[in-house]
Amino acid sequence: MARQSSSNAGRAAEILILLGQADRKGMALAALAAATGEAKSSVHRTLVALAEYGLVVQNGNRGNYMLGPATYALAHRSLGVNEIVATYRPALIDITGRTQFSTYLMVRSGLDTICLDYQMGQIVAQPYVSGIGGRIPMGVGISGVCILGMMDARSRDRCLDLLEDRLAQWDLTRPQIEAEIAEFQRLGFMRGIRRSAGIESLTLTVPINNDHLRGMETAISLLAPLNVLDAAGERAAIAVMRDAISTAERHASSPTRSDDMSGR
């Protein structure tokens, strides 16, 4: 780098940037010293300090240095479950209050979808999950189809490979689920009908596209009795859901809200 570090913190930052730009072989101590314009002893002390926190690792004794797992973890940190519920519970309350239908906050857990939170509406339909903690295989419920559609293609295909037998137990086929996923990816939300306890219900599901939820595919579903909503009513409900999610996220990111959450 053109600029020589003026502090330990600056030297550490330069080293992390250099290692982030290096190939998979990493960089030797001598190369890092030359690139930063620092003495080897100073660079080595900084590397030792970074290694103590898992920010860099050395490939064997006297080997090259590379970014450590803690660097990746920091860059990809997801919200915790409590934070997710705290962020999106107001959205559930808002949606249910404005539509009178029950709403569910659903997240992927392995090959299942789990209900993290819900609000019971005045207009009740037959759900697949009994409440918080209820879980069903992905694809059995409409929220699971939405969540599958949010995943990268390779991960989704592997999940479907492993889910086929379980889906068959619910009289669902892989081609059916794949067709629903394609429809979700076309529309940006999921609409579907499922039968639970012999009763057919309509589910509308909107994905939560939040950069802080990497690896935790999450969605909000609205459950309505069949034939209660016409096409215009469904569009209006989707608009309400998107607006409520956006409002909840905006409020959660405000300084006052962040301070309240951190002080709990």
Protein backbone atom coordinates (compact mmCIF):
# COMPACT_ATOMS: atom_id res chain seq x y z
CA MET A 1 0.00 0.00 0.00
CA ALA A 2 1.12 3.53 -0.68
CA ARG A 3 0.40 4.81 2.84
CA GLN A 4 2.49 3.67 5.77
CA SER A 5 0.53 2.79 8.90
CA SER A 6 0.53 5.48 11.55
CA SER A 7 -0.84 3.32 14.35
CA ASN A 8 -1.32 -0.27 15.42
CA ALA A 9 -4.96 -0.04 14.37
CA GLY A 10 -4.02 1.33 10.96
CA ARG A 11 -1.42 -1.39 10.46
CA ALA A 12 -3.97 -4.06 11.37
CA ALA A 13 -6.49 -2.60 8.93
CA GLU A 14 -3.91 -2.55 6.11
CA ILE A 15 -2.98 -6.16 6.78
CA LEU A 16 -6.60 -7.32 6.74
CA ILE A 17 -7.22 -5.48 3.46
CA LEU A 18 -4.10 -6.98 1.89
CA LEU A 19 -5.05 -10.50 2.98
CA GLY A 20 -8.56 -9.93 1.66
CA GLN A 21 -7.09 -9.09 -1.75
CA ALA A 22 -4.64 -12.00 -1.77
CA ASP A 23 -5.29 -15.32 -3.52
CA ARG A 24 -6.06 -18.52 -1.64
CA LYS A 25 -2.36 -19.04 -0.84
CA GLY A 26 -2.34 -15.94 1.37
CA MET A 27 0.75 -13.79 1.92
CA ALA A 28 4.09 -14.34 3.62
CA LEU A 29 5.32 -12.14 6.44
CA ALA A 30 7.99 -10.60 4.21
CA ALA A 31 5.43 -9.72 1.55
CA LEU A 32 3.13 -8.10 4.09
CA ALA A 33 6.00 -6.09 5.54
CA ALA A 34 7.03 -4.89 2.09
CA ALA A 35 3.44 -4.00 1.13
CA THR A 36 2.83 -1.99 4.30
CA GLY A 37 6.30 -0.47 4.49
CA GLU A 38 6.63 -1.72 8.06
CA ALA A 39 9.34 -3.73 9.79
CA LYS A 40 8.81 -7.47 9.89
CA SER A 41 8.81 -7.41 13.69
CA SER A 42 5.99 -4.85 13.80
CA VAL A 43 3.91 -6.72 11.22
CA HIS A 44 4.49 -10.00 13.06
CA ARG A 45 3.26 -8.51 16.35
CA THR A 46 0.12 -7.29 14.62
CA LEU A 47 -0.46 -10.68 12.99
CA VAL A 48 -0.13 -12.42 16.36
CA ALA A 49 -2.69 -10.04 17.86
CA LEU A 50 -5.12 -10.58 14.96
CA ALA A 51 -4.65 -14.34 15.19
CA GLU A 52 -5.64 -14.31 18.87
CA TYR A 53 -9.10 -13.15 17.77
CA GLY A 54 -9.34 -15.50 14.80
CA LEU A 55 -9.09 -12.67 12.29
CA VAL A 56 -6.04 -14.21 10.59
CA VAL A 57 -4.62 -17.73 10.48
CA GLN A 58 -1.20 -19.04 9.49
CA ASN A 59 -0.85 -21.97 7.14
CA GLY A 60 1.38 -24.20 9.24
CA ASN A 61 4.57 -23.19 11.05
CA ARG A 62 6.24 -20.28 9.21
CA GLY A 63 3.61 -20.52 6.47
CA ASN A 64 1.63 -17.81 4.73
CA TYR A 65 -1.07 -15.80 6.47
CA MET A 66 -4.73 -15.77 5.42
CA LEU A 67 -7.96 -14.25 6.68
CA GLY A 68 -9.37 -16.24 9.58
CA PRO A 69 -12.90 -17.52 10.23
CA ALA A 70 -13.75 -14.63 12.56
CA THR A 71 -13.40 -12.21 9.65
CA TYR A 72 -15.99 -14.15 7.65
CA ALA A 73 -18.27 -14.45 10.69
CA LEU A 74 -18.17 -10.72 11.35
CA ALA A 75 -18.92 -9.88 7.74
CA HIS A 76 -21.86 -12.30 7.61
CA ARG A 77 -23.30 -11.89 11.09
CA SER A 78 -27.05 -12.55 11.13
CA LEU A 79 -29.62 -11.23 13.53
CA GLY A 80 -30.32 -13.51 16.46
CA VAL A 81 -33.75 -15.11 16.81
CA ASN A 82 -34.77 -12.69 19.57
CA GLU A 83 -33.76 -9.76 17.36
CA ILE A 84 -35.76 -11.16 14.44
CA VAL A 85 -38.88 -11.51 16.57
CA ALA A 86 -38.41 -8.06 18.11
CA THR A 87 -37.98 -6.53 14.65
CA TYR A 88 -40.92 -8.19 12.92
CA ARG A 89 -43.52 -8.66 15.67
CA PRO A 90 -44.78 -5.10 15.02
CA ALA A 91 -45.25 -6.09 11.37
CA LEU A 92 -47.38 -9.09 12.37
CA ILE A 93 -49.49 -6.91 14.65
CA ASP A 94 -49.86 -4.30 11.90
CA ILE A 95 -50.86 -6.81 9.21
CA THR A 96 -53.34 -8.65 11.43
CA GLY A 97 -54.81 -5.38 12.67
CA ARG A 98 -55.33 -4.07 9.13
CA THR A 99 -56.55 -7.30 7.52
CA GLN A 100 -58.08 -9.23 10.46
CA PHE A 101 -56.28 -12.40 9.27
CA SER A 102 -53.78 -14.45 11.28
CA THR A 103 -50.12 -13.89 10.44
CA TYR A 104 -47.02 -16.03 11.00
CA LEU A 105 -43.28 -15.28 11.12
CA MET A 106 -41.57 -18.31 9.57
CA VAL A 107 -37.86 -19.17 9.29
CA ARG A 108 -35.90 -22.05 7.79
CA SER A 109 -34.36 -24.58 10.18
CA GLY A 110 -32.55 -27.29 8.24
CA LEU A 111 -35.21 -28.94 6.07
CA ASP A 112 -38.11 -27.50 8.06
CA THR A 113 -39.85 -24.20 8.50
CA ILE A 114 -40.45 -23.07 12.08
CA CYS A 115 -42.92 -20.51 13.42
CA LEU A 116 -41.05 -17.87 15.44
CA ASP A 117 -44.08 -15.71 16.21
CA TYR A 118 -47.71 -15.26 15.23
CA GLN A 119 -50.76 -13.06 15.69
CA MET A 120 -54.24 -14.54 15.79
CA GLY A 121 -56.73 -12.73 13.61
CA GLN A 122 -60.49 -12.30 13.91
CA ILE A 123 -60.98 -14.21 10.66
CA VAL A 124 -59.45 -17.61 11.39
CA ALA A 125 -58.35 -20.34 8.98
CA GLN A 126 -56.91 -23.80 9.69
CA PRO A 127 -53.11 -23.51 10.11
CA TYR A 128 -50.44 -26.18 9.64
CA VAL A 129 -48.52 -25.06 12.71
CA SER A 130 -50.05 -24.76 16.17
CA GLY A 131 -48.15 -21.64 17.11
CA ILE A 132 -44.68 -20.56 18.16
CA GLY A 133 -42.27 -23.48 17.75
CA GLY A 134 -44.50 -25.36 15.33
CA ARG A 135 -42.56 -26.87 12.44
CA ILE A 136 -43.31 -28.55 9.12
CA PRO A 137 -41.13 -29.74 6.22
CA MET A 138 -40.29 -27.03 3.71
CA GLY A 139 -42.79 -27.04 0.88
CA VAL A 140 -45.64 -28.50 2.91
CA GLY A 141 -46.74 -24.99 3.77
CA ILE A 142 -46.70 -22.07 1.36
CA SER A 143 -44.16 -20.24 3.51
CA GLY A 144 -41.75 -23.13 2.94
CA VAL A 145 -42.11 -22.78 -0.82
CA CYS A 146 -41.28 -19.08 -0.50
CA ILE A 147 -38.25 -19.90 1.64
CA LEU A 148 -37.04 -22.52 -0.85
CA GLY A 149 -37.35 -19.90 -3.57
CA MET A 150 -35.14 -17.52 -1.56
CA MET A 151 -32.27 -20.02 -1.43
CA ASP A 152 -29.45 -20.31 -3.98
CA ALA A 153 -30.14 -22.89 -6.68
CA ARG A 154 -27.65 -25.53 -5.50
CA SER A 155 -28.80 -25.43 -1.89
CA ARG A 156 -32.44 -25.51 -2.95
CA ASP A 157 -31.92 -28.52 -5.23
CA ARG A 158 -30.16 -30.43 -2.46
CA CYS A 159 -32.98 -29.63 -0.04
CA LEU A 160 -35.55 -30.87 -2.54
CA ASP A 161 -33.54 -34.08 -3.03
CA LEU A 162 -33.75 -34.72 0.69
CA LEU A 163 -37.38 -33.61 1.01
CA GLU A 164 -38.97 -35.71 -1.73
CA ASP A 165 -39.99 -38.62 0.50
CA ARG A 166 -41.34 -36.32 3.20
CA LEU A 167 -43.31 -34.28 0.67
CA ALA A 168 -44.85 -37.45 -0.70
CA GLN A 169 -46.30 -38.13 2.75
CA TRP A 170 -48.30 -34.92 2.32
CA ASP A 171 -49.36 -35.82 -1.25
CA LEU A 172 -47.00 -33.22 -2.68
CA THR A 173 -44.58 -33.79 -5.55
CA ARG A 174 -41.29 -32.17 -6.42
CA PRO A 175 -42.54 -30.90 -9.83
CA GLN A 176 -45.46 -29.22 -8.05
CA ILE A 177 -43.16 -27.50 -5.57
CA GLU A 178 -40.75 -26.46 -8.33
CA ALA A 179 -43.63 -24.94 -10.31
CA GLU A 180 -44.70 -22.98 -7.22
CA ILE A 181 -41.13 -21.79 -6.67
CA ALA A 182 -40.98 -20.54 -10.26
CA GLU A 183 -44.23 -18.64 -9.70
CA PHE A 184 -42.84 -17.09 -6.52
CA GLN A 185 -39.68 -16.00 -8.31
CA ARG A 186 -41.82 -14.45 -11.06
CA LEU A 187 -44.15 -12.55 -8.71
CA GLY A 188 -41.89 -11.80 -5.74
CA PHE A 189 -44.43 -13.23 -3.30
CA MET A 190 -46.11 -16.60 -2.82
CA ARG A 191 -49.79 -17.45 -3.16
CA GLY A 192 -51.02 -20.96 -2.63
CA ILE A 193 -53.75 -23.22 -1.33
CA ARG A 194 -53.15 -26.11 1.04
CA ARG A 195 -55.42 -28.53 2.92
CA SER A 196 -54.99 -28.91 6.67
CA ALA A 197 -57.27 -31.07 8.83
CA GLY A 198 -59.48 -31.50 5.76
CA ILE A 199 -59.95 -27.75 5.29
CA GLU A 200 -58.51 -25.77 2.38
CA SER A 201 -57.04 -22.36 3.15
CA LEU A 202 -55.30 -19.62 1.21
CA THR A 203 -51.83 -18.51 2.24
CA LEU A 204 -50.09 -15.35 1.07
CA THR A 205 -46.37 -15.18 1.89
CA VAL A 206 -43.97 -12.28 1.48
CA PRO A 207 -40.20 -12.86 1.80
CA ILE A 208 -38.14 -10.80 4.20
CA ASN A 209 -35.18 -9.53 2.17
CA ASN A 210 -32.89 -8.26 4.89
CA ASP A 211 -29.10 -8.26 4.49
CA HIS A 212 -28.80 -8.98 8.22
CA LEU A 213 -30.58 -12.34 7.76
CA ARG A 214 -27.91 -14.09 5.68
CA GLY A 215 -28.40 -17.83 5.95
CA MET A 216 -31.70 -17.40 7.82
CA GLU A 217 -34.35 -17.34 5.12
CA THR A 218 -37.39 -15.72 6.72
CA ALA A 219 -40.89 -14.84 5.54
CA ILE A 220 -44.25 -13.62 6.82
CA SER A 221 -47.43 -15.49 5.93
CA LEU A 222 -51.07 -14.46 6.07
CA LEU A 223 -53.63 -17.26 6.38
CA ALA A 224 -57.18 -16.76 5.11
CA PRO A 225 -60.21 -19.02 4.66
CA LEU A 226 -60.67 -20.04 1.05
CA ASN A 227 -62.76 -17.71 -1.16
CA VAL A 228 -62.83 -14.87 1.37
CA LEU A 229 -60.39 -12.72 -0.64
CA ASP A 230 -60.89 -11.92 -4.31
CA ALA A 231 -57.99 -10.97 -6.59
CA ALA A 232 -58.15 -7.31 -5.58
CA GLY A 233 -58.28 -8.28 -1.90
CA GLU A 234 -55.20 -10.46 -2.30
CA ARG A 235 -53.27 -7.64 -3.96
CA ALA A 236 -54.29 -5.28 -1.20
CA ALA A 237 -53.18 -7.78 1.46
CA ILE A 238 -49.78 -8.20 -0.20
CA ALA A 239 -49.37 -4.41 -0.28
CA VAL A 240 -50.22 -4.23 3.44
CA MET A 241 -47.69 -6.97 4.23
CA ARG A 242 -44.89 -5.28 2.30
CA ASP A 243 -45.66 -1.92 3.86
CA ALA A 244 -45.71 -3.40 7.38
CA ILE A 245 -42.39 -5.19 6.87
CA SER A 246 -40.76 -2.03 5.50
CA THR A 247 -42.10 0.05 8.39
CA ALA A 248 -40.92 -2.48 10.99
CA GLU A 249 -37.42 -2.58 9.50
CA ARG A 250 -37.23 1.20 9.27
CA HIS A 251 -38.27 1.55 12.90
CA ALA A 252 -35.84 -1.17 14.05
CA SER A 253 -32.93 0.60 12.35
CA SER A 254 -33.67 3.98 13.90
CA PRO A 255 -31.21 5.14 16.62
CA THR A 256 -33.88 5.23 19.33
CA ARG A 257 -35.03 1.70 18.56
CA SER A 258 -31.45 0.36 18.41
CA ASP A 259 -30.70 1.94 21.79
CA ASP A 260 -33.83 0.41 23.30
CA MET A 261 -32.93 -3.08 22.06
CA SER A 262 -29.31 -2.86 23.20
CA GLY A 263 -30.35 -1.76 26.65
CA ARG A 264 -32.53 -4.77 27.33
